[in-house]
Protein backbone atom coordinates (compact mmCIF):
# COMPACT_ATOMS: atom_id res chain seq x y z
CA MET A 1 84.14 -58.63 -58.46
CA ALA A 2 82.04 -55.76 -57.19
CA ARG A 3 81.28 -57.70 -54.04
CA GLN A 4 84.97 -57.97 -53.14
CA LEU A 5 85.46 -54.18 -53.33
CA ARG A 6 82.68 -53.40 -50.85
CA GLN A 7 83.93 -55.55 -47.97
CA PRO A 8 87.16 -53.58 -47.35
CA THR A 9 85.08 -50.37 -47.22
CA ARG A 10 83.01 -51.70 -44.32
CA ALA A 11 86.13 -52.74 -42.45
CA GLN A 12 87.66 -49.31 -43.03
CA SER A 13 84.69 -47.60 -41.36
CA MET A 14 84.96 -49.91 -38.37
CA VAL A 15 88.69 -49.19 -38.00
CA GLU A 16 88.14 -45.43 -38.27
CA PHE A 17 85.44 -45.62 -35.60
CA ALA A 18 87.70 -47.71 -33.35
CA VAL A 19 90.46 -45.11 -33.69
CA LEU A 20 88.29 -42.03 -33.19
CA ALA A 21 85.77 -43.28 -30.60
CA PRO A 22 88.15 -43.13 -27.59
CA ILE A 23 89.16 -39.59 -28.49
CA PHE A 24 85.53 -38.56 -28.89
CA PHE A 25 84.50 -40.08 -25.55
CA LEU A 26 87.53 -38.58 -23.81
CA LEU A 27 86.51 -35.13 -25.07
CA LEU A 28 82.90 -35.72 -24.06
CA LEU A 29 83.73 -36.89 -20.53
CA GLY A 30 86.43 -34.21 -20.21
CA THR A 31 83.80 -31.59 -20.95
CA ILE A 32 81.61 -33.06 -18.21
CA ASP A 33 84.52 -32.93 -15.74
CA LEU A 34 85.27 -29.35 -16.74
CA GLY A 35 81.62 -28.50 -16.12
CA ARG A 36 81.86 -30.11 -12.67
CA ALA A 37 84.94 -28.02 -11.85
CA VAL A 38 83.27 -24.78 -12.95
CA TYR A 39 80.12 -25.64 -10.96
CA ILE A 40 82.13 -26.42 -7.82
CA TYR A 41 84.18 -23.22 -8.14
CA ASN A 42 81.05 -21.10 -8.59
CA SER A 43 79.40 -22.80 -5.62
CA ILE A 44 82.31 -22.34 -3.22
CA SER A 45 82.81 -18.76 -4.41
CA ASP A 46 79.17 -17.99 -3.66
CA ALA A 47 79.44 -19.77 -0.29
CA ALA A 48 82.51 -17.67 0.62
CA ARG A 49 80.56 -14.49 -0.13
CA GLU A 50 77.65 -15.75 1.96
CA GLY A 51 80.00 -16.55 4.85
CA ALA A 52 81.49 -13.06 4.68
CA ARG A 53 78.01 -11.53 4.64
CA ALA A 54 77.16 -13.51 7.78
CA THR A 55 80.14 -12.02 9.65
CA VAL A 56 79.91 -8.33 8.75
CA PRO A 57 76.44 -7.13 9.82
CA TYR A 58 76.14 -4.12 12.08
CA ASP A 59 76.43 -5.84 15.43
CA PHE A 60 79.13 -6.31 18.01
CA PRO A 61 80.70 -8.72 18.73
CA LEU A 62 81.22 -10.74 15.57
CA PRO A 63 79.15 -13.90 15.22
CA THR A 64 80.79 -17.10 16.39
CA SER A 65 82.85 -19.29 14.10
CA ALA A 66 80.13 -21.94 14.28
CA THR A 67 77.68 -19.39 12.83
CA LEU A 68 80.06 -18.69 9.95
CA VAL A 69 80.58 -22.38 9.14
CA THR A 70 76.82 -22.98 9.29
CA ALA A 71 76.18 -20.05 6.91
CA VAL A 72 78.71 -21.40 4.40
CA GLN A 73 77.44 -24.97 4.59
CA SER A 74 73.79 -23.95 4.30
CA LYS A 75 74.55 -22.02 1.12
CA LEU A 76 76.13 -25.07 -0.47
CA GLY A 77 73.42 -27.53 0.47
CA GLY A 78 74.07 -31.23 0.04
CA GLY A 79 76.70 -32.84 -2.11
CA PHE A 80 79.64 -30.82 -0.78
CA SER A 81 81.85 -31.79 2.11
CA LEU A 82 83.19 -28.61 3.73
CA GLN A 83 84.44 -28.10 7.25
CA ALA A 84 86.43 -25.53 9.19
CA ASP A 85 90.16 -25.79 8.58
CA PRO A 86 91.59 -28.08 11.30
CA CYS A 87 94.22 -25.56 12.37
CA ILE A 88 91.53 -22.93 13.04
CA ALA A 89 90.21 -24.95 15.97
CA GLN A 90 93.64 -24.60 17.61
CA ARG A 91 94.00 -20.84 17.27
CA SER A 92 92.65 -17.98 19.38
CA ALA A 93 92.65 -14.19 19.31
CA VAL A 94 96.01 -14.28 21.10
CA ASN A 95 97.58 -17.11 19.08
CA ASN A 96 96.70 -16.58 15.41
CA ALA A 97 99.38 -18.86 13.98
CA CYS A 98 97.20 -20.79 11.55
CA PRO A 99 98.61 -20.52 8.01
CA THR A 100 96.38 -19.57 5.11
CA PRO A 101 95.20 -22.34 2.78
CA ASP A 102 97.84 -21.21 0.28
CA THR A 103 100.65 -22.22 2.65
CA ALA A 104 98.97 -24.91 4.78
CA SER A 105 100.74 -28.23 4.89
CA THR A 106 97.61 -30.21 5.77
CA THR A 107 96.41 -32.39 2.94
CA MET A 108 92.69 -32.75 2.56
CA PRO A 109 90.77 -35.75 1.26
CA SER A 110 89.59 -35.77 -2.37
CA ASN A 111 86.43 -33.82 -3.23
CA THR A 112 86.31 -32.10 0.16
CA GLY A 113 87.16 -28.61 1.27
CA TYR A 114 88.20 -26.44 4.19
CA ILE A 115 86.83 -23.09 5.32
CA TRP A 116 89.48 -20.63 6.50
CA TYR A 117 88.71 -17.22 7.95
CA SER A 118 90.58 -14.24 9.30
CA PRO A 119 90.60 -12.42 11.67
CA VAL A 120 89.90 -14.95 14.37
CA ILE A 121 86.20 -15.30 15.10
CA PRO A 122 86.30 -17.04 18.47
CA ASN A 123 83.54 -19.18 19.89
CA ASP A 124 84.25 -17.66 23.31
CA PRO A 125 82.83 -14.08 23.54
CA SER A 126 85.43 -13.14 26.17
CA GLN A 127 88.12 -13.27 23.46
CA TYR A 128 86.57 -10.54 21.29
CA PRO A 129 88.33 -7.21 20.86
CA ALA A 130 87.29 -4.56 23.36
CA GLN A 131 86.18 -1.99 20.78
CA PRO A 132 84.20 -2.35 17.58
CA CYS A 133 86.16 -1.55 14.43
CA HIS A 134 85.85 -1.45 10.66
CA CYS A 135 87.98 -4.54 10.28
CA PRO A 136 88.35 -6.65 7.13
CA VAL A 137 87.06 -10.20 7.38
CA THR A 138 88.45 -12.68 4.86
CA ILE A 139 86.79 -16.00 4.08
CA LYS A 140 88.71 -18.54 2.00
CA ILE A 141 87.41 -21.90 0.88
CA SER A 142 89.83 -24.41 -0.59
CA PHE A 143 88.40 -27.48 -2.29
CA LEU A 144 90.40 -30.44 -3.60
CA PHE A 145 88.75 -31.32 -6.92
CA GLN A 146 89.39 -34.82 -8.21
CA PRO A 147 88.33 -35.49 -11.84
CA TRP A 148 86.28 -38.58 -12.66
CA ILE A 149 88.13 -39.58 -15.82
CA PRO A 150 91.20 -41.73 -15.06
CA VAL A 151 93.35 -40.15 -17.81
CA VAL A 152 92.62 -36.63 -16.57
CA ARG A 153 92.96 -37.75 -12.93
CA ASP A 154 96.42 -39.13 -13.67
CA ALA A 155 97.42 -35.89 -15.39
CA ALA A 156 96.11 -33.83 -12.46
CA GLY A 157 98.20 -35.77 -9.94
CA ASN A 158 96.72 -35.36 -6.48
CA GLY A 159 93.86 -33.26 -7.81
CA VAL A 160 93.32 -29.58 -8.44
CA ILE A 161 92.82 -27.19 -5.53
CA LEU A 162 90.03 -24.70 -6.24
CA LEU A 163 90.35 -21.61 -4.04
CA ALA A 164 87.66 -18.96 -3.53
CA GLU A 165 88.26 -15.88 -1.39
CA THR A 166 86.05 -13.00 -0.26
CA THR A 167 86.99 -10.00 1.88
CA MET A 168 84.42 -7.63 3.38
CA VAL A 169 84.66 -4.90 6.01
CA THR A 170 82.60 -5.08 9.18
CA GLU A 171 79.80 -2.53 9.43
CA TYR A 172 80.30 -1.35 13.00
């Protein structure tokens, strides 16, 4: 008689584990994804500050856009895919029609990002302003974060855009 009472208890534990295990693992993996998102945001925020620092030293003219992109990418190191915003390559000091990442219609691939900067930092020194100024330089990095967990990925839709922005004033 006592033997018959113990068997349902073992089955009850197995059922409770089967019900609670997916929730536990979802919370565990969700915490890992949240940690990834915080790490990526902190990294791109720091890279945006480093890019702004590379453009504001006391020299005239401003460094080239290639110098800025190199400074941002070197701060991030490996594991991040960042490039200059595609519309920036098409603009110049005369035609500054590139929208900010907030309003850009270009969709970026998952787990990659774009570097956007203003004012225009041309690669051609003949396009620089004639006089030095205390001008604000804004660096924005937008990164499309895609979670690893399928349930969270489905809830996030096309991913979550992490945006870091830094503005500094030139020192000349």
